[in-house]
């Protein structure tokens, strides 16, 4: 097995993927909350 040396791996792709996932999650939550508020007002 290769010697593991912390901090040497290039993680830029993983960081971009994680940032994209976080942004997608934020916008999804906002859309879901807005949809629920809209449904509560229309059904009201």
C-alpha atoms as a PDB file:
ATOM      1  CA  UNK A   1       0.000   0.000   0.000  1.00  0.00           C
ATOM      2  CA  UNK A   2       1.256   3.480  -0.814  1.00  0.00           C
ATOM      3  CA  UNK A   3       2.439   5.763   1.946  1.00  0.00           C
ATOM      4  CA  UNK A   4      -0.267   8.229   2.962  1.00  0.00           C
ATOM      5  CA  UNK A   5       0.852  11.815   3.391  1.00  0.00           C
ATOM      6  CA  UNK A   6      -1.865  14.170   4.659  1.00  0.00           C
ATOM      7  CA  UNK A   7      -2.391  17.341   2.661  1.00  0.00           C
ATOM      8  CA  UNK A   8      -0.888  16.175  -0.641  1.00  0.00           C
ATOM      9  CA  UNK A   9      -4.050  15.147  -2.475  1.00  0.00           C
ATOM     10  CA  UNK A  10      -5.637  17.636  -4.880  1.00  0.00           C
ATOM     11  CA  UNK A  11      -9.191  18.126  -3.607  1.00  0.00           C
ATOM     12  CA  UNK A  12     -10.345  21.019  -5.799  1.00  0.00           C
ATOM     13  CA  UNK A  13     -12.834  18.838  -7.684  1.00  0.00           C
ATOM     14  CA  UNK A  14     -14.321  17.532  -4.435  1.00  0.00           C
ATOM     15  CA  UNK A  15     -14.570  21.080  -3.065  1.00  0.00           C
ATOM     16  CA  UNK A  16     -16.394  22.260  -6.206  1.00  0.00           C
ATOM     17  CA  UNK A  17     -18.768  19.299  -6.023  1.00  0.00           C
ATOM     18  CA  UNK A  18     -19.497  19.946  -2.351  1.00  0.00           C
ATOM     19  CA  UNK A  19     -20.074  23.659  -2.996  1.00  0.00           C
ATOM     20  CA  UNK A  20     -22.476  22.785  -5.807  1.00  0.00           C
ATOM     21  CA  UNK A  21     -24.328  20.356  -3.563  1.00  0.00           C
ATOM     22  CA  UNK A  22     -24.654  22.984  -0.823  1.00  0.00           C
ATOM     23  CA  UNK A  23     -25.968  25.579  -3.299  1.00  0.00           C
ATOM     24  CA  UNK A  24     -28.451  23.087  -4.756  1.00  0.00           C
ATOM     25  CA  UNK A  25     -29.649  22.224  -1.250  1.00  0.00           C
ATOM     26  CA  UNK A  26     -30.064  25.878  -0.268  1.00  0.00           C
ATOM     27  CA  UNK A  27     -32.131  26.726  -3.332  1.00  0.00           C
ATOM     28  CA  UNK A  28     -34.188  23.563  -3.003  1.00  0.00           C
ATOM     29  CA  UNK A  29     -35.079  24.388   0.601  1.00  0.00           C
ATOM     30  CA  UNK A  30     -36.076  27.929  -0.390  1.00  0.00           C
ATOM     31  CA  UNK A  31     -38.295  26.635  -3.210  1.00  0.00           C
ATOM     32  CA  UNK A  32     -39.921  24.049  -0.922  1.00  0.00           C
ATOM     33  CA  UNK A  33     -40.625  26.622   1.793  1.00  0.00           C
ATOM     34  CA  UNK A  34     -42.063  29.077  -0.722  1.00  0.00           C
ATOM     35  CA  UNK A  35     -44.241  26.326  -2.190  1.00  0.00           C
ATOM     36  CA  UNK A  36     -45.561  25.385   1.251  1.00  0.00           C
ATOM     37  CA  UNK A  37     -46.318  29.022   2.093  1.00  0.00           C
ATOM     38  CA  UNK A  38     -48.090  29.468  -1.245  1.00  0.00           C
ATOM     39  CA  UNK A  39     -50.140  26.318  -0.681  1.00  0.00           C
ATOM     40  CA  UNK A  40     -51.111  27.473   2.829  1.00  0.00           C
ATOM     41  CA  UNK A  41     -52.221  30.887   1.516  1.00  0.00           C
ATOM     42  CA  UNK A  42     -54.226  29.469  -1.391  1.00  0.00           C
ATOM     43  CA  UNK A  43     -55.874  26.762   0.701  1.00  0.00           C
ATOM     44  CA  UNK A  44     -56.449  29.133   3.569  1.00  0.00           C
END
